[in-house]
Amino acid sequence: MLKITRYLWVLVLIVTLGGLWYPYLGYVMAVVMLTLMITAVFRGRWFCGNLCPRGSFNDFVMNKISRKRNIPGVLRSLWVRVPLFILIMSLMIYRVSIVFATRNIFEKIGVILVSMCIVTTVVAILLGGFYNTRAWCTVCPMGTAQRIIGGDRYQLKMAHELCIDCKKCEKVCPMQLKVRDIGNNPDCIKCGRCVEACPKDALYF
C-alpha cells in the first residue's frame, strides 16, 4: 500500500457530492478507469489495492461501520461478475451514445459518469456495511476488467519452507483470500498487507 492510499477516498466524496453541482467532476472517473486499464497490463489488480479511490473509501471509511462478515462465494463467481461488467459497460455506452445528438455533450457525459459513481458507491456501502469492507471489490466491473487484462502478472509469491502457518497474512487480507494457497489468484489486489504482517518474511511480489 502506498502512503497516499489512505487519502484517496476523498475523491469519492468530491465526485459523488460535488458532481451534483459540477458534472465535469465525473471525468475524474474517466481518468481513474483509463489509469487502471493501463496499470492492469503490467500489474493486474495492483491499482485496486493502491490507487483506487473507492478501495480507499472501503478500507478507511467503511472499515468503521462494516460488520466484517465473510464475503459470499457467489460474489466471486465470474458467472456473476462478467455479466455485471457487460451490463454496466453496455448501459454506460448506451447512455453516452444518446447524448451525442444533443447540446452540452461533455457536461452530459459528466452527469452520466457522476451518476454511475453515485450508484456504485451506494452499492459498495451496502455490501461493505453488511459483509466485508471490500465486498464490492469482488464484483466491481473495473476490478473484473483488471483481472482479465492482467491475469497472473505481478503475483504474490510464498516461500513455503519459511511459512509457520500462523495465518497472520490471511487475517489482514482485505479480500479474504487464502494467502497460503493463493497460487496465481488474479483477485489479489497487491496491497502488500500480508507481506507486512508475515513474521518470517515468507511473502513477496
N, C-alpha and C. Protein backbone atom coordinates (compact mmCIF):
# COMPACT_ATOMS: atom_id res chain seq x y z
N MET A 1 0.84 -1.20 0.00
CA MET A 1 0.00 0.00 0.00
C MET A 1 0.88 1.25 0.00
N LEU A 2 0.48 2.23 -0.78
CA LEU A 2 1.23 3.48 -0.85
C LEU A 2 0.79 4.43 0.26
N LYS A 3 1.63 5.41 0.57
CA LYS A 3 1.29 6.36 1.62
C LYS A 3 0.06 7.18 1.26
N ILE A 4 -0.13 7.43 -0.03
CA ILE A 4 -1.26 8.26 -0.47
C ILE A 4 -2.59 7.50 -0.44
N THR A 5 -2.53 6.18 -0.37
CA THR A 5 -3.73 5.35 -0.48
C THR A 5 -4.81 5.74 0.53
N ARG A 6 -4.42 6.00 1.77
CA ARG A 6 -5.39 6.27 2.82
C ARG A 6 -6.12 7.61 2.65
N TYR A 7 -5.67 8.42 1.70
CA TYR A 7 -6.31 9.73 1.50
C TYR A 7 -7.14 9.80 0.20
N LEU A 8 -7.02 8.80 -0.64
CA LEU A 8 -7.69 8.85 -1.95
C LEU A 8 -9.21 8.77 -1.87
N TRP A 9 -9.74 8.29 -0.72
CA TRP A 9 -11.20 8.17 -0.57
C TRP A 9 -11.89 9.53 -0.70
N VAL A 10 -11.15 10.60 -0.46
CA VAL A 10 -11.72 11.94 -0.57
C VAL A 10 -12.26 12.19 -1.98
N LEU A 11 -11.61 11.59 -2.98
CA LEU A 11 -12.07 11.76 -4.37
C LEU A 11 -13.47 11.21 -4.58
N VAL A 12 -13.83 10.17 -3.83
CA VAL A 12 -15.18 9.61 -3.93
C VAL A 12 -16.20 10.65 -3.49
N LEU A 13 -15.92 11.34 -2.40
CA LEU A 13 -16.83 12.37 -1.91
C LEU A 13 -16.89 13.55 -2.87
N ILE A 14 -15.74 13.91 -3.42
CA ILE A 14 -15.69 15.04 -4.34
C ILE A 14 -16.56 14.78 -5.57
N VAL A 15 -16.46 13.57 -6.12
CA VAL A 15 -17.22 13.24 -7.33
C VAL A 15 -18.70 13.03 -7.03
N THR A 16 -19.01 12.26 -5.99
CA THR A 16 -20.42 11.93 -5.70
C THR A 16 -21.20 13.14 -5.19
N LEU A 17 -20.57 13.99 -4.42
CA LEU A 17 -21.28 15.16 -3.88
C LEU A 17 -21.06 16.40 -4.74
N GLY A 18 -19.81 16.70 -5.02
CA GLY A 18 -19.51 17.87 -5.84
C GLY A 18 -20.04 17.74 -7.25
N GLY A 19 -20.09 16.49 -7.74
CA GLY A 19 -20.57 16.25 -9.09
C GLY A 19 -22.03 16.61 -9.30
N LEU A 20 -22.79 16.69 -8.21
CA LEU A 20 -24.20 17.07 -8.31
C LEU A 20 -24.34 18.53 -8.77
N TRP A 21 -23.35 19.33 -8.45
CA TRP A 21 -23.37 20.74 -8.84
C TRP A 21 -22.44 21.03 -10.02
N TYR A 22 -21.40 20.25 -10.13
CA TYR A 22 -20.41 20.47 -11.19
C TYR A 22 -20.13 19.13 -11.87
N PRO A 23 -20.93 18.77 -12.89
CA PRO A 23 -20.86 17.46 -13.54
C PRO A 23 -19.50 17.10 -14.13
N TYR A 24 -18.69 18.12 -14.44
CA TYR A 24 -17.40 17.83 -15.05
C TYR A 24 -16.48 17.04 -14.11
N LEU A 25 -16.82 17.04 -12.83
CA LEU A 25 -16.04 16.23 -11.88
C LEU A 25 -16.16 14.74 -12.20
N GLY A 26 -17.18 14.38 -12.97
CA GLY A 26 -17.34 12.99 -13.36
C GLY A 26 -16.18 12.47 -14.18
N TYR A 27 -15.46 13.39 -14.81
CA TYR A 27 -14.32 12.97 -15.63
C TYR A 27 -13.17 12.43 -14.79
N VAL A 28 -13.23 12.66 -13.49
CA VAL A 28 -12.26 12.01 -12.59
C VAL A 28 -12.39 10.50 -12.73
N MET A 29 -13.64 10.04 -12.88
CA MET A 29 -13.88 8.61 -13.08
C MET A 29 -13.25 8.11 -14.37
N ALA A 30 -13.33 8.91 -15.41
CA ALA A 30 -12.74 8.53 -16.69
C ALA A 30 -11.23 8.37 -16.57
N VAL A 31 -10.61 9.30 -15.84
CA VAL A 31 -9.16 9.23 -15.62
C VAL A 31 -8.80 7.98 -14.82
N VAL A 32 -9.61 7.70 -13.79
CA VAL A 32 -9.38 6.51 -12.96
C VAL A 32 -9.49 5.24 -13.81
N MET A 33 -10.53 5.17 -14.63
CA MET A 33 -10.75 3.98 -15.46
C MET A 33 -9.61 3.78 -16.46
N LEU A 34 -9.15 4.87 -17.07
CA LEU A 34 -8.05 4.77 -18.03
C LEU A 34 -6.77 4.33 -17.34
N THR A 35 -6.50 4.91 -16.18
CA THR A 35 -5.28 4.59 -15.44
C THR A 35 -5.24 3.13 -15.01
N LEU A 36 -6.37 2.63 -14.49
CA LEU A 36 -6.38 1.24 -14.02
C LEU A 36 -6.23 0.25 -15.18
N MET A 37 -6.75 0.61 -16.35
CA MET A 37 -6.60 -0.26 -17.51
C MET A 37 -5.14 -0.36 -17.92
N ILE A 38 -4.43 0.76 -17.84
CA ILE A 38 -3.01 0.78 -18.21
C ILE A 38 -2.18 -0.01 -17.20
N THR A 39 -2.41 0.24 -15.92
CA THR A 39 -1.62 -0.46 -14.89
C THR A 39 -1.92 -1.95 -14.87
N ALA A 40 -3.15 -2.33 -15.26
CA ALA A 40 -3.53 -3.74 -15.26
C ALA A 40 -2.67 -4.57 -16.21
N VAL A 41 -2.24 -3.94 -17.28
CA VAL A 41 -1.41 -4.65 -18.27
C VAL A 41 -0.11 -5.14 -17.63
N PHE A 42 0.40 -4.35 -16.68
CA PHE A 42 1.70 -4.67 -16.08
C PHE A 42 1.59 -5.29 -14.69
N ARG A 43 0.52 -4.94 -13.94
CA ARG A 43 0.46 -5.39 -12.56
C ARG A 43 -0.89 -5.95 -12.12
N GLY A 44 -1.72 -6.34 -13.06
CA GLY A 44 -3.01 -6.93 -12.69
C GLY A 44 -3.85 -5.97 -11.86
N ARG A 45 -4.34 -6.44 -10.71
CA ARG A 45 -5.23 -5.63 -9.88
C ARG A 45 -4.48 -4.75 -8.87
N TRP A 46 -3.26 -4.41 -9.16
CA TRP A 46 -2.46 -3.57 -8.27
C TRP A 46 -3.15 -2.24 -7.99
N PHE A 47 -3.79 -1.67 -9.01
CA PHE A 47 -4.47 -0.38 -8.84
C PHE A 47 -5.51 -0.46 -7.73
N CYS A 48 -6.23 -1.59 -7.65
CA CYS A 48 -7.29 -1.77 -6.65
C CYS A 48 -6.77 -1.59 -5.23
N GLY A 49 -5.59 -2.11 -4.98
CA GLY A 49 -5.06 -2.08 -3.62
C GLY A 49 -4.21 -0.88 -3.29
N ASN A 50 -3.94 -0.03 -4.30
CA ASN A 50 -3.02 1.07 -4.06
C ASN A 50 -3.50 2.45 -4.49
N LEU A 51 -4.24 2.52 -5.60
CA LEU A 51 -4.63 3.84 -6.12
C LEU A 51 -6.13 4.03 -6.30
N CYS A 52 -6.93 3.02 -6.05
CA CYS A 52 -8.37 3.15 -6.27
C CYS A 52 -9.04 4.00 -5.19
N PRO A 53 -9.68 5.09 -5.56
CA PRO A 53 -10.35 5.94 -4.57
C PRO A 53 -11.44 5.19 -3.79
N ARG A 54 -12.22 4.35 -4.50
CA ARG A 54 -13.27 3.63 -3.79
C ARG A 54 -12.68 2.54 -2.90
N GLY A 55 -11.59 1.95 -3.34
CA GLY A 55 -10.90 0.97 -2.50
C GLY A 55 -10.44 1.62 -1.21
N SER A 56 -9.92 2.83 -1.34
CA SER A 56 -9.50 3.61 -0.17
C SER A 56 -10.70 3.93 0.72
N PHE A 57 -11.81 4.28 0.09
CA PHE A 57 -13.05 4.57 0.83
C PHE A 57 -13.50 3.33 1.61
N ASN A 58 -13.44 2.18 0.95
CA ASN A 58 -13.84 0.94 1.60
C ASN A 58 -12.94 0.60 2.79
N ASP A 59 -11.65 0.81 2.61
CA ASP A 59 -10.68 0.45 3.65
C ASP A 59 -10.71 1.39 4.85
N PHE A 60 -10.82 2.68 4.60
CA PHE A 60 -10.62 3.64 5.68
C PHE A 60 -11.88 4.35 6.16
N VAL A 61 -13.00 4.20 5.44
CA VAL A 61 -14.27 4.77 5.88
C VAL A 61 -15.24 3.65 6.25
N MET A 62 -15.45 2.72 5.31
CA MET A 62 -16.36 1.61 5.58
C MET A 62 -15.87 0.70 6.69
N ASN A 63 -14.58 0.70 6.91
CA ASN A 63 -14.00 -0.14 7.96
C ASN A 63 -14.58 0.17 9.34
N LYS A 64 -15.07 1.40 9.51
CA LYS A 64 -15.61 1.81 10.80
C LYS A 64 -17.03 1.31 11.05
N ILE A 65 -17.74 0.94 9.98
CA ILE A 65 -19.14 0.54 10.14
C ILE A 65 -19.43 -0.87 9.62
N SER A 66 -18.45 -1.48 8.97
CA SER A 66 -18.66 -2.81 8.39
C SER A 66 -18.85 -3.89 9.47
N ARG A 67 -19.73 -4.84 9.17
CA ARG A 67 -19.93 -5.97 10.08
C ARG A 67 -18.83 -7.01 9.94
N LYS A 68 -18.01 -6.85 8.91
CA LYS A 68 -16.85 -7.70 8.68
C LYS A 68 -17.21 -9.19 8.63
N ARG A 69 -18.25 -9.48 7.89
CA ARG A 69 -18.65 -10.87 7.66
C ARG A 69 -17.92 -11.43 6.45
N ASN A 70 -17.99 -12.73 6.29
CA ASN A 70 -17.35 -13.36 5.13
C ASN A 70 -18.05 -12.93 3.84
N ILE A 71 -17.25 -12.68 2.81
CA ILE A 71 -17.79 -12.31 1.51
C ILE A 71 -18.40 -13.55 0.87
N PRO A 72 -19.66 -13.49 0.44
CA PRO A 72 -20.31 -14.67 -0.17
C PRO A 72 -19.57 -15.14 -1.42
N GLY A 73 -19.47 -16.44 -1.56
CA GLY A 73 -18.77 -17.01 -2.71
C GLY A 73 -19.38 -16.61 -4.03
N VAL A 74 -20.69 -16.38 -4.06
CA VAL A 74 -21.36 -16.03 -5.31
C VAL A 74 -20.84 -14.72 -5.88
N LEU A 75 -20.38 -13.82 -5.00
CA LEU A 75 -19.86 -12.54 -5.46
C LEU A 75 -18.51 -12.69 -6.15
N ARG A 76 -17.84 -13.80 -5.90
CA ARG A 76 -16.53 -14.04 -6.51
C ARG A 76 -16.65 -14.74 -7.87
N SER A 77 -17.83 -15.27 -8.13
CA SER A 77 -18.02 -16.07 -9.34
C SER A 77 -17.98 -15.21 -10.61
N LEU A 78 -17.22 -15.66 -11.60
CA LEU A 78 -17.16 -14.96 -12.88
C LEU A 78 -18.49 -15.03 -13.60
N TRP A 79 -19.33 -16.01 -13.24
CA TRP A 79 -20.66 -16.11 -13.83
C TRP A 79 -21.54 -14.94 -13.40
N VAL A 80 -21.17 -14.30 -12.31
CA VAL A 80 -21.88 -13.10 -11.84
C VAL A 80 -21.14 -11.85 -12.30
N ARG A 81 -19.84 -11.89 -12.19
CA ARG A 81 -19.03 -10.70 -12.43
C ARG A 81 -18.96 -10.29 -13.90
N VAL A 82 -18.77 -11.23 -14.78
CA VAL A 82 -18.67 -10.89 -16.21
C VAL A 82 -19.98 -10.32 -16.76
N PRO A 83 -21.14 -10.96 -16.47
CA PRO A 83 -22.41 -10.35 -16.93
C PRO A 83 -22.64 -8.96 -16.33
N LEU A 84 -22.23 -8.76 -15.07
CA LEU A 84 -22.38 -7.45 -14.44
C LEU A 84 -21.51 -6.42 -15.16
N PHE A 85 -20.30 -6.82 -15.50
CA PHE A 85 -19.39 -5.93 -16.24
C PHE A 85 -20.01 -5.55 -17.59
N ILE A 86 -20.52 -6.55 -18.31
CA ILE A 86 -21.13 -6.30 -19.62
C ILE A 86 -22.35 -5.39 -19.50
N LEU A 87 -23.17 -5.65 -18.47
CA LEU A 87 -24.38 -4.85 -18.25
C LEU A 87 -24.05 -3.39 -17.97
N ILE A 88 -23.15 -3.16 -17.05
CA ILE A 88 -22.82 -1.79 -16.65
C ILE A 88 -22.13 -1.03 -17.78
N MET A 89 -21.19 -1.67 -18.45
CA MET A 89 -20.49 -1.01 -19.54
C MET A 89 -21.43 -0.74 -20.72
N SER A 90 -22.33 -1.69 -21.00
CA SER A 90 -23.30 -1.50 -22.09
C SER A 90 -24.24 -0.34 -21.78
N LEU A 91 -24.67 -0.26 -20.52
CA LEU A 91 -25.55 0.82 -20.10
C LEU A 91 -24.86 2.16 -20.23
N MET A 92 -23.59 2.22 -19.82
CA MET A 92 -22.85 3.47 -19.91
C MET A 92 -22.66 3.88 -21.37
N ILE A 93 -22.27 2.93 -22.22
CA ILE A 93 -22.07 3.23 -23.64
C ILE A 93 -23.37 3.70 -24.29
N TYR A 94 -24.47 3.05 -23.94
CA TYR A 94 -25.77 3.44 -24.48
C TYR A 94 -26.14 4.87 -24.06
N ARG A 95 -25.97 5.16 -22.79
CA ARG A 95 -26.32 6.49 -22.29
C ARG A 95 -25.45 7.57 -22.93
N VAL A 96 -24.18 7.26 -23.12
CA VAL A 96 -23.27 8.22 -23.76
C VAL A 96 -23.66 8.42 -25.22
N SER A 97 -24.04 7.33 -25.89
CA SER A 97 -24.36 7.42 -27.32
C SER A 97 -25.58 8.30 -27.60
N ILE A 98 -26.54 8.32 -26.68
CA ILE A 98 -27.76 9.08 -26.96
C ILE A 98 -27.61 10.58 -26.68
N VAL A 99 -26.49 10.98 -26.08
CA VAL A 99 -26.30 12.41 -25.83
C VAL A 99 -25.48 13.08 -26.93
N PHE A 100 -24.95 12.30 -27.86
CA PHE A 100 -24.11 12.86 -28.91
C PHE A 100 -24.90 13.78 -29.86
N ALA A 101 -26.20 13.59 -29.91
CA ALA A 101 -27.01 14.42 -30.81
C ALA A 101 -27.57 15.65 -30.10
N THR A 102 -27.11 15.88 -28.89
CA THR A 102 -27.64 17.00 -28.09
C THR A 102 -26.55 18.05 -27.86
N ARG A 103 -26.96 19.13 -27.23
CA ARG A 103 -26.01 20.17 -26.88
C ARG A 103 -25.35 19.84 -25.54
N ASN A 104 -24.28 20.55 -25.24
CA ASN A 104 -23.56 20.35 -23.97
C ASN A 104 -23.17 18.88 -23.76
N ILE A 105 -22.60 18.29 -24.79
CA ILE A 105 -22.26 16.87 -24.76
C ILE A 105 -21.35 16.53 -23.58
N PHE A 106 -20.29 17.30 -23.40
CA PHE A 106 -19.31 16.97 -22.37
C PHE A 106 -19.89 17.08 -20.96
N GLU A 107 -20.77 18.05 -20.78
CA GLU A 107 -21.42 18.19 -19.48
C GLU A 107 -22.33 17.01 -19.21
N LYS A 108 -23.07 16.58 -20.23
CA LYS A 108 -24.00 15.47 -20.06
C LYS A 108 -23.27 14.14 -19.83
N ILE A 109 -22.13 13.98 -20.49
CA ILE A 109 -21.32 12.79 -20.24
C ILE A 109 -20.82 12.82 -18.79
N GLY A 110 -20.48 14.01 -18.33
CA GLY A 110 -20.06 14.17 -16.94
C GLY A 110 -21.16 13.75 -15.98
N VAL A 111 -22.41 14.12 -16.31
CA VAL A 111 -23.56 13.73 -15.50
C VAL A 111 -23.69 12.21 -15.44
N ILE A 112 -23.49 11.56 -16.59
CA ILE A 112 -23.57 10.10 -16.66
C ILE A 112 -22.51 9.46 -15.76
N LEU A 113 -21.29 9.98 -15.82
CA LEU A 113 -20.20 9.43 -15.02
C LEU A 113 -20.44 9.66 -13.53
N VAL A 114 -20.95 10.82 -13.18
CA VAL A 114 -21.25 11.11 -11.77
C VAL A 114 -22.35 10.18 -11.27
N SER A 115 -23.39 10.00 -12.07
CA SER A 115 -24.50 9.13 -11.65
C SER A 115 -24.04 7.69 -11.46
N MET A 116 -23.14 7.23 -12.33
CA MET A 116 -22.59 5.89 -12.17
C MET A 116 -21.77 5.78 -10.89
N CYS A 117 -21.02 6.82 -10.60
CA CYS A 117 -20.21 6.84 -9.38
C CYS A 117 -21.10 6.79 -8.14
N ILE A 118 -22.21 7.54 -8.18
CA ILE A 118 -23.13 7.57 -7.05
C ILE A 118 -23.77 6.20 -6.84
N VAL A 119 -24.27 5.60 -7.91
CA VAL A 119 -24.94 4.30 -7.80
C VAL A 119 -23.99 3.22 -7.29
N THR A 120 -22.80 3.14 -7.88
CA THR A 120 -21.85 2.11 -7.46
C THR A 120 -21.33 2.35 -6.05
N THR A 121 -21.25 3.62 -5.64
CA THR A 121 -20.83 3.92 -4.28
C THR A 121 -21.88 3.47 -3.27
N VAL A 122 -23.15 3.69 -3.61
CA VAL A 122 -24.23 3.23 -2.74
C VAL A 122 -24.20 1.71 -2.60
N VAL A 123 -24.00 1.01 -3.72
CA VAL A 123 -23.92 -0.45 -3.67
C VAL A 123 -22.72 -0.89 -2.84
N ALA A 124 -21.60 -0.20 -3.01
CA ALA A 124 -20.39 -0.53 -2.25
C ALA A 124 -20.61 -0.34 -0.76
N ILE A 125 -21.35 0.70 -0.38
CA ILE A 125 -21.65 0.96 1.03
C ILE A 125 -22.55 -0.13 1.59
N LEU A 126 -23.55 -0.54 0.82
CA LEU A 126 -24.47 -1.58 1.28
C LEU A 126 -23.75 -2.91 1.46
N LEU A 127 -22.97 -3.30 0.47
CA LEU A 127 -22.23 -4.56 0.55
C LEU A 127 -21.16 -4.51 1.63
N GLY A 128 -20.47 -3.37 1.70
CA GLY A 128 -19.40 -3.22 2.69
C GLY A 128 -19.93 -3.18 4.11
N GLY A 129 -21.11 -2.57 4.28
CA GLY A 129 -21.69 -2.50 5.61
C GLY A 129 -22.22 -3.84 6.09
N PHE A 130 -22.84 -4.59 5.19
CA PHE A 130 -23.46 -5.85 5.57
C PHE A 130 -22.45 -7.00 5.62
N TYR A 131 -21.50 -6.99 4.68
CA TYR A 131 -20.50 -8.06 4.63
C TYR A 131 -19.14 -7.53 5.08
N ASN A 132 -18.21 -7.49 4.14
CA ASN A 132 -16.85 -7.05 4.42
C ASN A 132 -16.58 -5.75 3.67
N THR A 133 -15.64 -4.96 4.15
CA THR A 133 -15.37 -3.66 3.55
C THR A 133 -15.08 -3.75 2.05
N ARG A 134 -14.42 -4.81 1.63
CA ARG A 134 -14.04 -4.95 0.22
C ARG A 134 -14.99 -5.87 -0.56
N ALA A 135 -16.19 -6.09 -0.04
CA ALA A 135 -17.15 -6.97 -0.73
C ALA A 135 -17.44 -6.45 -2.14
N TRP A 136 -17.59 -5.13 -2.30
CA TRP A 136 -17.84 -4.56 -3.61
C TRP A 136 -16.72 -4.89 -4.59
N CYS A 137 -15.50 -4.92 -4.08
CA CYS A 137 -14.33 -5.13 -4.94
C CYS A 137 -14.32 -6.52 -5.60
N THR A 138 -15.07 -7.45 -5.04
CA THR A 138 -15.14 -8.78 -5.65
C THR A 138 -16.01 -8.77 -6.90
N VAL A 139 -16.96 -7.84 -6.99
CA VAL A 139 -17.84 -7.78 -8.16
C VAL A 139 -17.62 -6.52 -9.01
N CYS A 140 -16.76 -5.64 -8.55
CA CYS A 140 -16.50 -4.38 -9.26
C CYS A 140 -16.16 -4.64 -10.73
N PRO A 141 -16.88 -4.04 -11.66
CA PRO A 141 -16.60 -4.25 -13.09
C PRO A 141 -15.17 -3.89 -13.48
N MET A 142 -14.63 -2.83 -12.88
CA MET A 142 -13.27 -2.43 -13.20
C MET A 142 -12.26 -3.41 -12.62
N GLY A 143 -12.58 -3.97 -11.47
CA GLY A 143 -11.72 -5.00 -10.89
C GLY A 143 -11.72 -6.25 -11.75
N THR A 144 -12.89 -6.60 -12.26
CA THR A 144 -13.01 -7.76 -13.15
C THR A 144 -12.23 -7.52 -14.43
N ALA A 145 -12.29 -6.31 -14.96
CA ALA A 145 -11.56 -5.97 -16.17
C ALA A 145 -10.05 -6.10 -15.94
N GLN A 146 -9.60 -5.62 -14.78
CA GLN A 146 -8.17 -5.74 -14.45
C GLN A 146 -7.75 -7.19 -14.32
N ARG A 147 -8.63 -7.99 -13.74
CA ARG A 147 -8.34 -9.42 -13.59
C ARG A 147 -8.16 -10.07 -14.95
N ILE A 148 -9.04 -9.73 -15.89
CA ILE A 148 -8.98 -10.32 -17.23
C ILE A 148 -7.75 -9.82 -17.99
N ILE A 149 -7.47 -8.53 -17.89
CA ILE A 149 -6.34 -7.94 -18.61
C ILE A 149 -5.00 -8.37 -18.00
N GLY A 150 -4.92 -8.30 -16.67
CA GLY A 150 -3.64 -8.54 -16.01
C GLY A 150 -3.29 -9.98 -15.77
N GLY A 151 -4.32 -10.83 -15.65
CA GLY A 151 -4.04 -12.24 -15.41
C GLY A 151 -3.18 -12.47 -14.18
N ASP A 152 -2.08 -13.18 -14.35
CA ASP A 152 -1.23 -13.51 -13.21
C ASP A 152 0.01 -12.62 -13.10
N ARG A 153 -0.05 -11.43 -13.69
CA ARG A 153 1.11 -10.54 -13.62
C ARG A 153 1.31 -9.98 -12.21
N TYR A 154 2.56 -9.85 -11.82
CA TYR A 154 2.94 -9.28 -10.53
C TYR A 154 2.21 -9.98 -9.38
N GLN A 155 2.31 -11.29 -9.35
CA GLN A 155 1.59 -12.05 -8.34
C GLN A 155 2.37 -12.23 -7.04
N LEU A 156 1.60 -12.43 -5.99
CA LEU A 156 2.17 -12.71 -4.68
C LEU A 156 2.82 -14.08 -4.69
N LYS A 157 4.01 -14.18 -4.11
CA LYS A 157 4.73 -15.45 -4.02
C LYS A 157 4.99 -15.80 -2.56
N MET A 158 5.10 -17.09 -2.29
CA MET A 158 5.36 -17.53 -0.93
C MET A 158 6.52 -18.53 -0.90
N ALA A 159 7.41 -18.31 0.07
CA ALA A 159 8.48 -19.28 0.33
C ALA A 159 7.91 -20.25 1.36
N HIS A 160 7.34 -21.33 0.89
CA HIS A 160 6.61 -22.26 1.76
C HIS A 160 7.48 -22.84 2.87
N GLU A 161 8.77 -22.95 2.62
CA GLU A 161 9.64 -23.51 3.65
C GLU A 161 9.81 -22.58 4.85
N LEU A 162 9.48 -21.30 4.66
CA LEU A 162 9.58 -20.32 5.76
C LEU A 162 8.25 -20.14 6.51
N CYS A 163 7.15 -20.51 5.86
CA CYS A 163 5.83 -20.31 6.45
C CYS A 163 5.62 -21.18 7.69
N ILE A 164 5.13 -20.56 8.76
CA ILE A 164 4.85 -21.30 10.01
C ILE A 164 3.35 -21.47 10.22
N ASP A 165 2.57 -21.15 9.20
CA ASP A 165 1.12 -21.33 9.21
C ASP A 165 0.43 -20.59 10.36
N CYS A 166 0.91 -19.37 10.63
CA CYS A 166 0.31 -18.57 11.71
C CYS A 166 -0.97 -17.87 11.24
N LYS A 167 -1.13 -17.79 9.91
CA LYS A 167 -2.31 -17.19 9.28
C LYS A 167 -2.48 -15.69 9.55
N LYS A 168 -1.41 -15.04 9.98
CA LYS A 168 -1.49 -13.59 10.17
C LYS A 168 -1.75 -12.88 8.85
N CYS A 169 -1.25 -13.46 7.77
CA CYS A 169 -1.44 -12.86 6.45
C CYS A 169 -2.91 -12.88 6.05
N GLU A 170 -3.59 -13.98 6.35
CA GLU A 170 -5.00 -14.10 5.97
C GLU A 170 -5.89 -13.21 6.82
N LYS A 171 -5.47 -12.93 8.04
CA LYS A 171 -6.26 -12.09 8.92
C LYS A 171 -6.28 -10.64 8.45
N VAL A 172 -5.24 -10.22 7.75
CA VAL A 172 -5.18 -8.82 7.30
C VAL A 172 -5.57 -8.65 5.83
N CYS A 173 -5.82 -9.75 5.12
CA CYS A 173 -6.17 -9.65 3.69
C CYS A 173 -7.56 -9.04 3.53
N PRO A 174 -7.66 -7.87 2.91
CA PRO A 174 -8.96 -7.21 2.75
C PRO A 174 -9.91 -7.94 1.81
N MET A 175 -9.35 -8.82 0.96
CA MET A 175 -10.17 -9.58 0.01
C MET A 175 -10.54 -10.96 0.56
N GLN A 176 -10.09 -11.24 1.78
CA GLN A 176 -10.37 -12.51 2.44
C GLN A 176 -9.91 -13.71 1.61
N LEU A 177 -8.73 -13.59 1.03
CA LEU A 177 -8.17 -14.68 0.24
C LEU A 177 -7.36 -15.62 1.14
N LYS A 178 -7.27 -16.87 0.74
CA LYS A 178 -6.45 -17.83 1.46
C LYS A 178 -5.02 -17.68 0.93
N VAL A 179 -4.25 -16.88 1.63
CA VAL A 179 -2.94 -16.49 1.14
C VAL A 179 -2.01 -17.69 0.96
N ARG A 180 -2.05 -18.63 1.87
CA ARG A 180 -1.14 -19.78 1.78
C ARG A 180 -1.38 -20.58 0.49
N ASP A 181 -2.60 -20.60 0.02
CA ASP A 181 -2.93 -21.35 -1.20
C ASP A 181 -3.22 -20.43 -2.38
N ILE A 182 -2.69 -19.22 -2.33
CA ILE A 182 -3.10 -18.20 -3.30
C ILE A 182 -2.65 -18.52 -4.72
N GLY A 183 -1.51 -19.20 -4.88
CA GLY A 183 -1.05 -19.55 -6.21
C GLY A 183 -1.01 -18.32 -7.11
N ASN A 184 -1.71 -18.37 -8.22
CA ASN A 184 -1.78 -17.23 -9.13
C ASN A 184 -3.18 -16.65 -9.13
N ASN A 185 -3.76 -16.45 -7.96
CA ASN A 185 -5.11 -15.90 -7.85
C ASN A 185 -5.12 -14.47 -8.38
N PRO A 186 -5.79 -14.22 -9.49
CA PRO A 186 -5.80 -12.88 -10.10
C PRO A 186 -6.61 -11.85 -9.31
N ASP A 187 -7.29 -12.27 -8.24
CA ASP A 187 -8.06 -11.31 -7.44
C ASP A 187 -7.26 -10.71 -6.30
N CYS A 188 -6.00 -11.10 -6.18
CA CYS A 188 -5.12 -10.44 -5.21
C CYS A 188 -4.93 -8.99 -5.67
N ILE A 189 -5.18 -8.04 -4.76
CA ILE A 189 -5.11 -6.63 -5.14
C ILE A 189 -3.74 -5.99 -4.84
N LYS A 190 -2.79 -6.81 -4.48
CA LYS A 190 -1.40 -6.37 -4.31
C LYS A 190 -1.22 -5.20 -3.34
N CYS A 191 -2.02 -5.21 -2.28
CA CYS A 191 -1.92 -4.12 -1.30
C CYS A 191 -0.69 -4.28 -0.41
N GLY A 192 -0.17 -5.50 -0.30
CA GLY A 192 1.04 -5.75 0.46
C GLY A 192 0.85 -5.91 1.96
N ARG A 193 -0.38 -5.93 2.43
CA ARG A 193 -0.61 -6.05 3.87
C ARG A 193 -0.14 -7.39 4.42
N CYS A 194 -0.34 -8.44 3.62
CA CYS A 194 0.09 -9.76 4.05
C CYS A 194 1.62 -9.82 4.16
N VAL A 195 2.30 -9.16 3.23
CA VAL A 195 3.76 -9.13 3.24
C VAL A 195 4.26 -8.45 4.50
N GLU A 196 3.61 -7.35 4.86
CA GLU A 196 3.99 -6.61 6.07
C GLU A 196 3.68 -7.39 7.33
N ALA A 197 2.60 -8.19 7.31
CA ALA A 197 2.18 -8.92 8.51
C ALA A 197 2.97 -10.20 8.76
N CYS A 198 3.62 -10.73 7.73
CA CYS A 198 4.33 -12.00 7.86
C CYS A 198 5.55 -11.87 8.77
N PRO A 199 5.60 -12.63 9.86
CA PRO A 199 6.73 -12.54 10.81
C PRO A 199 8.00 -13.22 10.30
N LYS A 200 7.87 -14.00 9.22
CA LYS A 200 9.00 -14.77 8.71
C LYS A 200 9.47 -14.30 7.32
N ASP A 201 8.91 -13.21 6.86
CA ASP A 201 9.26 -12.69 5.52
C ASP A 201 9.14 -13.76 4.45
N ALA A 202 8.06 -14.53 4.54
CA ALA A 202 7.86 -15.63 3.59
C ALA A 202 7.10 -15.19 2.35
N LEU A 203 6.58 -13.97 2.35
CA LEU A 203 5.78 -13.48 1.23
C LEU A 203 6.49 -12.35 0.50
N TYR A 204 6.32 -12.33 -0.80
CA TYR A 204 6.95 -11.28 -1.60
C TYR A 204 6.28 -11.23 -2.97
N PHE A 205 6.50 -10.12 -3.69
CA PHE A 205 5.97 -9.96 -5.04
C PHE A 205 7.10 -10.10 -6.05
